[in-house]
Amino acid sequence: MTLYNSLLKHFILPIGDAFTNGNYLKYIKEWKTNDLKSNTELRSIQNQNLQRILDHAVTNVPFYKDQKSTVLTDFPILTKAVLRTHTEDLVSRSYNLSKLDKHHSSGSTGQQSFTYMTRDHTFYLRALQTHWWQWSGYRFGDSLLQFGISQKRNVLKSLKDLFFRTTYVKAFGLSETELKAILHKVKKKKSIYIAGYPSVVNQLAKVSLSHQIRPNVKGVICFGDKLFDHYKTTIKNAFGSHISLVDTYGCAEGLLMACKHEADYYSIMSPHVYIEVVDDDGKPVDDGVMGHVLVTCLTNYAMPLIRYRLGDLAIKLPKDKYPEHISLQYPLLQKVVGRETDIIKTTQGVTLNIHSFTGVLEYYQAIEQYKIIQNDLERIRIEYIVDKTKPFDMSILNEIKSKLQKLTKNCLDIVFEEVDTIKPTKSGKPQIIESNLKKT
């Protein structure tokens, strides 16, 4: 640990906690302690936290005033539409709304929503996020390149960037020239960690490879969108196979749900959240089966989110497949498949998720970017941008079409359209699948 790392940890951060009346360092320590607990201890903590939040909701939250049972599965499923239209009814009467921090989702699903929490809970989430970063080897004060959406840096955020040695840049819409400039800037540093959206880090890695600009990257922390296997390959080819690569799973509503650490599975932060995986009717599916994610936050008493349907699809790891030797004893998610809208459906009942397409198109380097659009069950349109630096002909499209038709048993008409640009979502995030099917 350098002198500055020590100074930040033992002097500057305690002063910051005192100045803001926060418990950031306390929560960092709490999560380090959680990492050492047994499966039985963690399950006990989760069950206690779950019962407390359910009891609190029934007693103090107007939305649940008619809720008689405090059994989790007796609570209604909370949707984004309900969260949006009943926001204030979901806030606990124990708190003054005007004194709570307001957070909003990016609206990438087309439905923007708001949540409220105490300032203390905001510190709790920041501590958990930092704890995940520490799993990569990151320490307080290590140089950090962070890609983010919040370009307006207020005084507190600017101070945080200064003391944490953070180079904060916009996450989307970066040109190759801008990415080269970023690489040259961070290359001057002795070493650096990178935190941001996998799609952006992947683009940075591509520019690093093509222009042979190699900063000394120690680790990469991913959040916000999907870390595909071909992204991992590109990132490690650019910055070294030795780097630590941490993949996280959270959402803008104030839920940091799971993170990959030593195994290729997501450790669920069970003291903070309780995750259910259910079918279309809200019934639990077996571990190992894909279903809709329902998450209950166990720590936000100002606005309890109970059985909140995120719009994600995931798979819990069956207990008999848990690794034998693993230091962390949190429950595990086998895979986060993606958004419910990241699914292509067909007339024959065959479905393709986002990984079905990435698993095919990642092998065709002449296609720089693509997007799959479905307006009806019979056909899809694939918009694509050609990488002008690589050879391309129509046989590539024919091969892709053949492989996808094999996956769908030839029940889907596939058309291609070359475009100059692919429009991102409102949040600026890239979107691989756009499903415009009516929900049934």
Protein backbone atom coordinates (compact mmCIF):
# COMPACT_ATOMS: atom_id res chain seq x y z
CA MET A 1 0.00 0.00 0.00
CA THR A 2 1.37 3.40 -0.98
CA LEU A 3 1.48 6.38 1.34
CA TYR A 4 -1.45 7.96 -0.51
CA ASN A 5 -3.58 4.80 -0.31
CA SER A 6 -3.00 4.75 3.44
CA LEU A 7 -3.66 8.48 3.80
CA LEU A 8 -6.96 8.21 1.93
CA LYS A 9 -8.14 5.18 3.88
CA HIS A 10 -7.12 6.26 7.37
CA PHE A 11 -7.41 10.04 7.23
CA ILE A 12 -9.33 11.53 4.28
CA LEU A 13 -12.22 9.02 4.18
CA PRO A 14 -12.90 9.16 7.95
CA ILE A 15 -13.05 12.96 7.66
CA GLY A 16 -15.40 12.57 4.69
CA ASP A 17 -17.69 10.26 6.70
CA ALA A 18 -17.73 12.76 9.57
CA PHE A 19 -18.42 15.71 7.26
CA THR A 20 -21.30 13.96 5.44
CA ASN A 21 -22.57 12.09 8.50
CA GLY A 22 -22.05 8.89 6.54
CA ASN A 23 -21.13 5.30 7.36
CA TYR A 24 -19.21 4.43 4.21
CA LEU A 25 -16.21 2.89 5.98
CA LYS A 26 -18.44 1.09 8.47
CA TYR A 27 -20.30 -0.61 5.63
CA ILE A 28 -17.07 -1.52 3.84
CA LYS A 29 -16.00 -3.33 7.01
CA GLU A 30 -19.43 -4.98 7.32
CA TRP A 31 -19.17 -6.47 3.82
CA LYS A 32 -15.66 -7.75 4.48
CA THR A 33 -17.08 -9.52 7.52
CA ASN A 34 -19.94 -10.96 5.45
CA ASP A 35 -17.40 -12.48 3.05
CA LEU A 36 -16.07 -14.59 5.92
CA LYS A 37 -19.43 -15.96 7.05
CA SER A 38 -20.63 -19.51 6.45
CA ASN A 39 -23.57 -20.45 4.26
CA THR A 40 -25.66 -21.07 7.38
CA GLU A 41 -24.79 -17.68 8.88
CA LEU A 42 -25.56 -15.84 5.64
CA ARG A 43 -28.87 -17.65 5.24
CA SER A 44 -29.83 -16.72 8.80
CA ILE A 45 -28.97 -13.05 8.21
CA GLN A 46 -30.98 -13.03 4.99
CA ASN A 47 -34.03 -14.60 6.63
CA GLN A 48 -33.92 -12.13 9.52
CA ASN A 49 -33.53 -9.16 7.19
CA LEU A 50 -36.32 -10.42 4.97
CA GLN A 51 -38.80 -10.79 7.82
CA ARG A 52 -37.92 -7.36 9.20
CA ILE A 53 -38.52 -5.61 5.86
CA LEU A 54 -41.82 -7.44 5.29
CA ASP A 55 -43.07 -6.57 8.78
CA HIS A 56 -42.00 -2.96 8.25
CA ALA A 57 -43.77 -2.75 4.88
CA VAL A 58 -47.09 -4.06 6.18
CA THR A 59 -46.98 -1.68 9.14
CA ASN A 60 -45.63 1.49 7.54
CA VAL A 61 -46.05 1.49 3.75
CA PRO A 62 -49.44 2.74 2.43
CA PHE A 63 -49.26 0.51 -0.67
CA TYR A 64 -49.33 -2.57 1.59
CA LYS A 65 -52.01 -1.32 4.03
CA ASP A 66 -54.36 -4.18 3.05
CA GLN A 67 -51.63 -6.83 3.12
CA LYS A 68 -52.52 -9.30 5.87
CA SER A 69 -49.76 -11.87 5.49
CA THR A 70 -46.05 -11.28 6.01
CA VAL A 71 -45.07 -14.36 3.99
CA LEU A 72 -43.03 -13.22 0.98
CA THR A 73 -44.93 -15.20 -1.66
CA ASP A 74 -48.22 -13.70 -0.46
CA PHE A 75 -47.04 -10.23 -1.51
CA PRO A 76 -48.02 -9.02 -5.00
CA ILE A 77 -45.39 -8.80 -7.72
CA LEU A 78 -44.23 -5.21 -8.05
CA THR A 79 -43.89 -4.12 -11.69
CA LYS A 80 -42.21 -1.07 -13.17
CA ALA A 81 -45.63 0.30 -14.11
CA VAL A 82 -46.82 0.03 -10.48
CA LEU A 83 -43.56 1.54 -9.23
CA ARG A 84 -44.04 4.47 -11.58
CA THR A 85 -47.71 5.18 -10.83
CA HIS A 86 -47.67 4.46 -7.06
CA THR A 87 -44.26 5.89 -6.19
CA GLU A 88 -45.29 7.88 -3.13
CA ASP A 89 -47.59 5.12 -1.82
CA LEU A 90 -44.53 2.86 -1.74
CA VAL A 91 -42.60 5.23 0.53
CA SER A 92 -42.71 4.38 4.24
CA ARG A 93 -44.63 6.77 6.49
CA SER A 94 -41.64 6.57 8.86
CA TYR A 95 -39.68 8.87 6.54
CA ASN A 96 -40.06 12.40 5.22
CA LEU A 97 -40.14 12.19 1.43
CA SER A 98 -38.52 15.61 1.00
CA LYS A 99 -35.44 14.45 2.92
CA LEU A 100 -34.84 11.28 0.90
CA ASP A 101 -32.44 10.81 -2.02
CA LYS A 102 -34.25 10.29 -5.33
CA HIS A 103 -32.88 7.82 -7.85
CA HIS A 104 -34.23 7.05 -11.30
CA SER A 105 -33.76 4.17 -13.69
CA SER A 106 -32.27 4.84 -17.11
CA GLY A 107 -35.52 3.97 -18.83
CA SER A 108 -33.78 1.56 -21.23
CA THR A 109 -36.89 -0.63 -21.20
CA GLY A 110 -39.04 2.35 -22.16
CA GLN A 111 -40.45 2.68 -18.65
CA GLN A 112 -38.63 5.13 -16.44
CA SER A 113 -39.21 4.78 -12.71
CA PHE A 114 -38.11 6.43 -9.47
CA THR A 115 -37.02 5.13 -6.09
CA TYR A 116 -36.23 6.86 -2.81
CA MET A 117 -33.73 6.04 -0.10
CA THR A 118 -32.04 7.64 2.87
CA ARG A 119 -28.61 9.22 2.48
CA ASP A 120 -27.29 6.46 4.75
CA HIS A 121 -28.57 3.80 2.35
CA THR A 122 -26.84 5.60 -0.50
CA PHE A 123 -23.57 5.25 1.45
CA TYR A 124 -24.41 1.56 1.98
CA LEU A 125 -24.68 1.02 -1.78
CA ARG A 126 -21.46 2.91 -2.48
CA ALA A 127 -19.68 0.75 0.07
CA LEU A 128 -20.97 -2.45 -1.53
CA GLN A 129 -19.93 -1.23 -4.96
CA THR A 130 -16.43 -0.42 -3.65
CA HIS A 131 -16.30 -3.84 -2.00
CA TRP A 132 -16.93 -5.48 -5.36
CA TRP A 133 -14.18 -3.36 -6.88
CA GLN A 134 -11.84 -4.56 -4.16
CA TRP A 135 -12.45 -8.10 -5.34
CA SER A 136 -10.50 -7.08 -8.46
CA GLY A 137 -7.52 -6.02 -6.32
CA TYR A 138 -8.49 -2.34 -6.35
CA ARG A 139 -7.55 -0.32 -3.24
CA PHE A 140 -8.68 3.10 -2.05
CA GLY A 141 -6.76 5.68 -4.04
CA ASP A 142 -5.60 3.46 -6.92
CA SER A 143 -5.87 5.26 -10.25
CA LEU A 144 -9.22 4.57 -11.89
CA LEU A 145 -10.67 5.17 -15.34
CA GLN A 146 -14.47 5.23 -14.96
CA PHE A 147 -17.01 5.34 -17.77
CA GLY A 148 -20.36 6.73 -16.65
CA ILE A 149 -23.57 8.45 -17.70
CA SER A 150 -23.59 11.21 -15.04
CA GLN A 151 -21.58 13.86 -16.86
CA LYS A 152 -22.64 16.66 -14.51
CA ARG A 153 -20.20 16.25 -11.63
CA ASN A 154 -21.41 18.21 -8.60
CA VAL A 155 -19.06 19.34 -5.83
CA LEU A 156 -19.20 16.04 -3.91
CA LYS A 157 -18.71 13.94 -7.05
CA SER A 158 -15.84 16.16 -8.18
CA LEU A 159 -14.18 15.78 -4.78
CA LYS A 160 -14.72 12.02 -4.95
CA ASP A 161 -13.05 11.93 -8.38
CA LEU A 162 -10.14 13.98 -7.04
CA PHE A 163 -9.46 11.98 -3.89
CA PHE A 164 -10.07 8.60 -5.54
CA ARG A 165 -7.81 9.54 -8.46
CA THR A 166 -10.64 8.93 -10.91
CA THR A 167 -10.60 9.90 -14.58
CA TYR A 168 -14.33 10.12 -15.30
CA VAL A 169 -15.45 10.11 -18.94
CA LYS A 170 -18.75 9.68 -20.77
CA ALA A 171 -19.78 6.09 -21.39
CA PHE A 172 -21.29 6.27 -24.87
CA GLY A 173 -20.84 8.04 -28.16
CA LEU A 174 -17.04 8.04 -27.98
CA SER A 175 -15.20 8.28 -31.29
CA GLU A 176 -12.04 6.34 -32.08
CA THR A 177 -10.10 9.58 -31.75
CA GLU A 178 -11.53 10.16 -28.26
CA LEU A 179 -10.76 6.58 -27.21
CA LYS A 180 -7.15 6.96 -28.43
CA ALA A 181 -6.82 10.16 -26.39
CA ILE A 182 -8.14 8.38 -23.30
CA LEU A 183 -5.66 5.54 -23.77
CA HIS A 184 -2.74 7.95 -24.17
CA LYS A 185 -3.83 9.79 -21.02
CA VAL A 186 -4.10 6.72 -18.80
CA LYS A 187 -0.93 5.18 -20.26
CA LYS A 188 0.99 7.92 -18.46
CA LYS A 189 -0.10 6.50 -15.13
CA LYS A 190 1.97 3.84 -13.41
CA SER A 191 -1.05 1.51 -13.33
CA ILE A 192 -4.81 1.84 -13.55
CA TYR A 193 -8.11 0.06 -13.01
CA ILE A 194 -11.02 0.44 -15.44
CA ALA A 195 -14.68 0.50 -14.40
CA GLY A 196 -17.57 0.81 -16.81
CA TYR A 197 -19.97 -0.67 -19.29
CA PRO A 198 -18.53 -3.80 -20.95
CA SER A 199 -19.51 -2.59 -24.43
CA VAL A 200 -17.47 0.60 -23.91
CA VAL A 201 -14.48 -1.17 -22.36
CA ASN A 202 -14.60 -3.57 -25.32
CA GLN A 203 -14.39 -0.62 -27.74
CA LEU A 204 -11.49 0.81 -25.75
CA ALA A 205 -9.74 -2.57 -25.94
CA LYS A 206 -10.26 -2.71 -29.71
CA VAL A 207 -8.64 0.69 -30.15
CA SER A 208 -5.82 -0.36 -27.83
CA LEU A 209 -5.14 -3.38 -30.03
CA SER A 210 -5.43 -1.62 -33.38
CA HIS A 211 -3.16 1.27 -32.37
CA GLN A 212 -0.88 -0.63 -30.00
CA ILE A 213 -1.57 1.71 -27.08
CA ARG A 214 -1.09 -0.43 -23.99
CA PRO A 215 -1.69 1.16 -20.57
CA ASN A 216 -0.77 -0.89 -17.50
CA VAL A 217 -4.26 -2.11 -16.58
CA LYS A 218 -4.47 -4.05 -13.31
CA GLY A 219 -8.15 -4.92 -13.39
CA VAL A 220 -11.50 -4.24 -15.05
CA ILE A 221 -14.85 -3.93 -13.25
CA CYS A 222 -17.92 -4.26 -15.48
CA PHE A 223 -21.44 -3.01 -14.82
CA GLY A 224 -24.52 -1.73 -16.65
CA ASP A 225 -24.74 -4.12 -19.61
CA LYS A 226 -23.64 -7.58 -20.69
CA LEU A 227 -20.08 -8.88 -20.53
CA PHE A 228 -20.09 -11.25 -23.50
CA ASP A 229 -17.41 -13.90 -23.93
CA HIS A 230 -16.00 -12.17 -27.02
CA TYR A 231 -15.73 -8.95 -24.98
CA LYS A 232 -13.69 -10.85 -22.39
CA THR A 233 -11.38 -12.16 -25.11
CA THR A 234 -10.83 -8.72 -26.62
CA ILE A 235 -10.27 -7.05 -23.23
CA LYS A 236 -7.73 -9.65 -22.13
CA ASN A 237 -5.97 -9.60 -25.51
CA ALA A 238 -5.59 -5.84 -25.17
CA PHE A 239 -4.72 -5.46 -21.50
CA GLY A 240 -3.25 -8.86 -20.61
CA SER A 241 -4.59 -12.28 -19.67
CA HIS A 242 -3.37 -11.63 -16.10
CA ILE A 243 -5.85 -8.81 -15.36
CA SER A 244 -8.68 -9.41 -12.93
CA LEU A 245 -12.09 -9.12 -14.59
CA VAL A 246 -15.06 -8.54 -12.28
CA ASP A 247 -18.61 -8.75 -13.66
CA THR A 248 -21.42 -7.23 -11.59
CA TYR A 249 -25.23 -7.40 -11.66
CA GLY A 250 -27.29 -4.50 -10.41
CA CYS A 251 -29.88 -1.93 -11.44
CA ALA A 252 -30.49 1.80 -11.14
CA GLU A 253 -33.27 1.35 -8.59
CA GLY A 254 -30.66 0.93 -5.87
CA LEU A 255 -30.06 -2.80 -6.03
CA LEU A 256 -26.58 -4.30 -6.23
CA MET A 257 -27.57 -7.91 -6.52
CA ALA A 258 -24.66 -10.13 -7.48
CA CYS A 259 -21.06 -10.20 -8.61
CA LYS A 260 -18.68 -12.74 -10.11
CA HIS A 261 -15.63 -13.38 -8.01
CA GLU A 262 -13.54 -16.55 -8.08
CA ALA A 263 -15.95 -18.82 -9.96
CA ASP A 264 -17.84 -18.29 -13.22
CA TYR A 265 -21.03 -17.70 -11.27
CA TYR A 266 -22.59 -14.64 -9.63
CA SER A 267 -22.44 -14.45 -5.84
CA ILE A 268 -25.79 -13.09 -4.65
CA MET A 269 -25.45 -10.42 -1.96
CA SER A 270 -27.92 -12.21 0.31
CA PRO A 271 -27.73 -9.80 3.30
CA HIS A 272 -28.89 -7.07 0.87
CA VAL A 273 -31.30 -8.83 -1.51
CA TYR A 274 -33.54 -11.87 -1.79
CA ILE A 275 -33.89 -13.18 -5.35
CA GLU A 276 -36.67 -15.35 -6.73
CA VAL A 277 -36.72 -16.81 -10.25
CA VAL A 278 -40.25 -17.46 -11.49
CA ASP A 279 -42.19 -18.48 -14.60
CA ASP A 280 -44.64 -16.34 -16.60
CA ASP A 281 -47.32 -16.93 -13.96
CA GLY A 282 -45.10 -15.92 -11.04
CA LYS A 283 -44.54 -19.49 -9.84
CA PRO A 284 -41.00 -20.51 -8.79
CA VAL A 285 -38.98 -22.47 -11.33
CA ASP A 286 -36.45 -25.15 -10.42
CA ASP A 287 -32.82 -24.17 -10.01
CA GLY A 288 -31.13 -24.55 -13.38
CA VAL A 289 -34.22 -23.31 -15.26
CA MET A 290 -34.44 -19.83 -16.78
CA GLY A 291 -37.11 -17.52 -15.40
CA HIS A 292 -38.03 -13.95 -14.55
CA VAL A 293 -36.11 -12.25 -11.75
CA LEU A 294 -38.05 -10.97 -8.74
CA VAL A 295 -35.90 -9.12 -6.23
CA THR A 296 -36.69 -7.97 -2.72
CA CYS A 297 -34.42 -5.33 -1.23
CA LEU A 298 -33.67 -6.11 2.42
CA THR A 299 -31.97 -2.84 3.35
CA ASN A 300 -34.02 0.09 2.01
CA TYR A 301 -36.64 0.79 4.68
CA ALA A 302 -37.57 4.19 3.23
CA MET A 303 -39.04 2.56 0.12
CA PRO A 304 -39.16 -1.23 0.37
CA LEU A 305 -39.07 -2.92 -3.03
CA ILE A 306 -40.74 -6.30 -2.54
CA ARG A 307 -40.87 -8.92 -5.29
CA TYR A 308 -39.86 -6.29 -7.82
CA ARG A 309 -39.91 -7.61 -11.39
CA LEU A 310 -36.84 -6.08 -12.98
CA GLY A 311 -37.51 -7.29 -16.49
CA ASP A 312 -34.47 -9.61 -16.34
CA LEU A 313 -34.11 -13.31 -17.07
CA ALA A 314 -31.73 -15.43 -15.01
CA ILE A 315 -30.92 -18.97 -13.85
CA LYS A 316 -30.08 -20.05 -10.31
CA LEU A 317 -27.27 -22.55 -9.97
CA PRO A 318 -28.51 -25.96 -8.74
CA LYS A 319 -27.06 -26.78 -5.32
CA ASP A 320 -25.46 -30.01 -6.56
CA LYS A 321 -23.40 -27.96 -9.03
CA TYR A 322 -21.91 -25.57 -6.47
CA PRO A 323 -18.08 -25.56 -6.58
CA GLU A 324 -16.54 -27.74 -3.88
CA HIS A 325 -13.77 -25.31 -3.01
CA ILE A 326 -14.90 -21.70 -2.92
CA SER A 327 -14.13 -19.09 -0.28
CA LEU A 328 -17.35 -17.08 -0.48
CA GLN A 329 -20.50 -18.82 0.75
CA TYR A 330 -23.15 -16.60 -0.83
CA PRO A 331 -25.90 -18.28 -2.91
CA LEU A 332 -25.09 -18.40 -6.63
CA LEU A 333 -26.70 -17.37 -9.89
CA GLN A 334 -25.66 -19.59 -12.77
CA LYS A 335 -26.33 -16.98 -15.43
CA VAL A 336 -27.96 -13.63 -16.00
CA VAL A 337 -29.47 -14.17 -19.43
CA GLY A 338 -30.59 -10.61 -20.08
CA ARG A 339 -33.71 -8.52 -20.41
CA GLU A 340 -37.11 -10.07 -21.03
CA THR A 341 -37.04 -8.03 -24.24
CA ASP A 342 -33.75 -9.71 -25.21
CA ILE A 343 -35.72 -12.70 -26.50
CA ILE A 344 -36.73 -13.58 -30.05
CA LYS A 345 -39.86 -15.74 -30.32
CA THR A 346 -41.14 -17.89 -33.21
CA THR A 347 -44.37 -19.52 -34.38
CA GLN A 348 -43.00 -22.94 -33.38
CA GLY A 349 -42.33 -22.00 -29.76
CA VAL A 350 -38.55 -21.86 -30.32
CA THR A 351 -36.96 -18.91 -28.52
CA LEU A 352 -33.55 -17.34 -29.00
CA ASN A 353 -31.95 -15.24 -26.30
CA ILE A 354 -29.27 -12.64 -26.82
CA HIS A 355 -26.47 -15.19 -26.38
CA SER A 356 -27.85 -17.23 -29.31
CA PHE A 357 -26.96 -14.34 -31.61
CA THR A 358 -23.67 -13.33 -30.02
CA GLY A 359 -22.59 -16.97 -30.17
CA VAL A 360 -22.95 -16.85 -33.97
CA LEU A 361 -22.06 -13.31 -35.00
CA GLU A 362 -18.98 -12.90 -32.81
CA TYR A 363 -17.05 -15.07 -35.28
CA TYR A 364 -17.63 -12.64 -38.16
CA GLN A 365 -15.23 -9.77 -37.54
CA ALA A 366 -16.28 -7.98 -40.74
CA ILE A 367 -19.53 -7.04 -38.99
CA GLU A 368 -18.68 -4.23 -36.61
CA GLN A 369 -22.10 -3.84 -34.96
CA TYR A 370 -25.56 -5.31 -35.34
CA LYS A 371 -29.10 -5.18 -34.01
CA ILE A 372 -31.93 -7.69 -34.29
CA ILE A 373 -35.45 -6.28 -34.68
CA GLN A 374 -38.63 -8.37 -34.38
CA ASN A 375 -42.07 -6.92 -35.21
CA ASP A 376 -43.93 -10.22 -35.68
CA LEU A 377 -43.42 -13.93 -35.00
CA GLU A 378 -42.64 -14.84 -38.62
CA ARG A 379 -39.53 -12.75 -39.26
CA ILE A 380 -36.63 -10.70 -37.92
CA ARG A 381 -34.55 -7.94 -39.47
CA ILE A 382 -30.85 -7.73 -38.71
CA GLU A 383 -29.34 -4.29 -39.12
CA TYR A 384 -25.57 -4.41 -39.47
CA ILE A 385 -22.60 -2.10 -39.89
CA VAL A 386 -19.63 -3.35 -41.92
CA ASP A 387 -16.10 -2.90 -40.61
CA LYS A 388 -14.47 -1.22 -43.62
CA THR A 389 -11.04 -2.46 -42.59
CA LYS A 390 -11.96 -6.13 -43.06
CA PRO A 391 -13.03 -8.15 -46.13
CA PHE A 392 -16.77 -8.60 -46.51
CA ASP A 393 -19.07 -10.27 -49.01
CA MET A 394 -22.63 -11.66 -49.08
CA SER A 395 -21.44 -15.20 -48.25
CA ILE A 396 -20.95 -14.00 -44.67
CA LEU A 397 -24.64 -13.09 -44.41
CA ASN A 398 -25.62 -16.41 -45.97
CA GLU A 399 -23.56 -18.30 -43.39
CA ILE A 400 -25.08 -16.35 -40.51
CA LYS A 401 -28.59 -16.88 -41.87
CA SER A 402 -27.98 -20.62 -42.25
CA LYS A 403 -26.73 -20.99 -38.67
CA LEU A 404 -29.62 -18.99 -37.21
CA GLN A 405 -32.21 -20.89 -39.24
CA LYS A 406 -30.75 -24.13 -37.93
CA LEU A 407 -31.27 -22.85 -34.38
CA THR A 408 -34.89 -21.91 -35.16
CA LYS A 409 -35.68 -25.06 -37.18
CA ASN A 410 -36.24 -22.89 -40.27
CA CYS A 411 -39.39 -21.31 -38.84
CA LEU A 412 -38.11 -17.73 -39.01
CA ASP A 413 -37.62 -15.49 -42.04
CA ILE A 414 -34.35 -13.57 -41.65
CA VAL A 415 -33.57 -10.42 -43.63
CA PHE A 416 -30.47 -8.25 -43.46
CA GLU A 417 -30.14 -4.49 -43.85
CA GLU A 418 -26.82 -2.68 -44.03
CA VAL A 419 -26.92 0.66 -42.19
CA ASP A 420 -24.48 3.45 -41.38
CA THR A 421 -25.51 3.86 -37.74
CA ILE A 422 -27.48 1.91 -35.14
CA LYS A 423 -29.52 3.99 -32.76
CA PRO A 424 -28.89 3.29 -29.04
CA THR A 425 -31.54 3.28 -26.33
CA LYS A 426 -32.63 6.52 -24.64
CA SER A 427 -30.03 5.94 -21.94
CA GLY A 428 -27.27 5.74 -24.54
CA LYS A 429 -26.69 2.02 -24.01
CA PRO A 430 -26.34 -0.20 -27.09
CA GLN A 431 -29.23 -2.59 -27.69
CA ILE A 432 -28.74 -5.87 -29.54
CA ILE A 433 -32.37 -7.05 -29.62
CA GLU A 434 -35.42 -4.87 -30.13
CA SER A 435 -38.61 -6.86 -29.65
CA ASN A 436 -41.79 -5.05 -30.68
CA LEU A 437 -44.11 -8.01 -30.11
CA LYS A 438 -47.23 -7.26 -28.13
CA LYS A 439 -47.10 -8.67 -24.63
CA THR A 440 -49.66 -11.39 -23.97
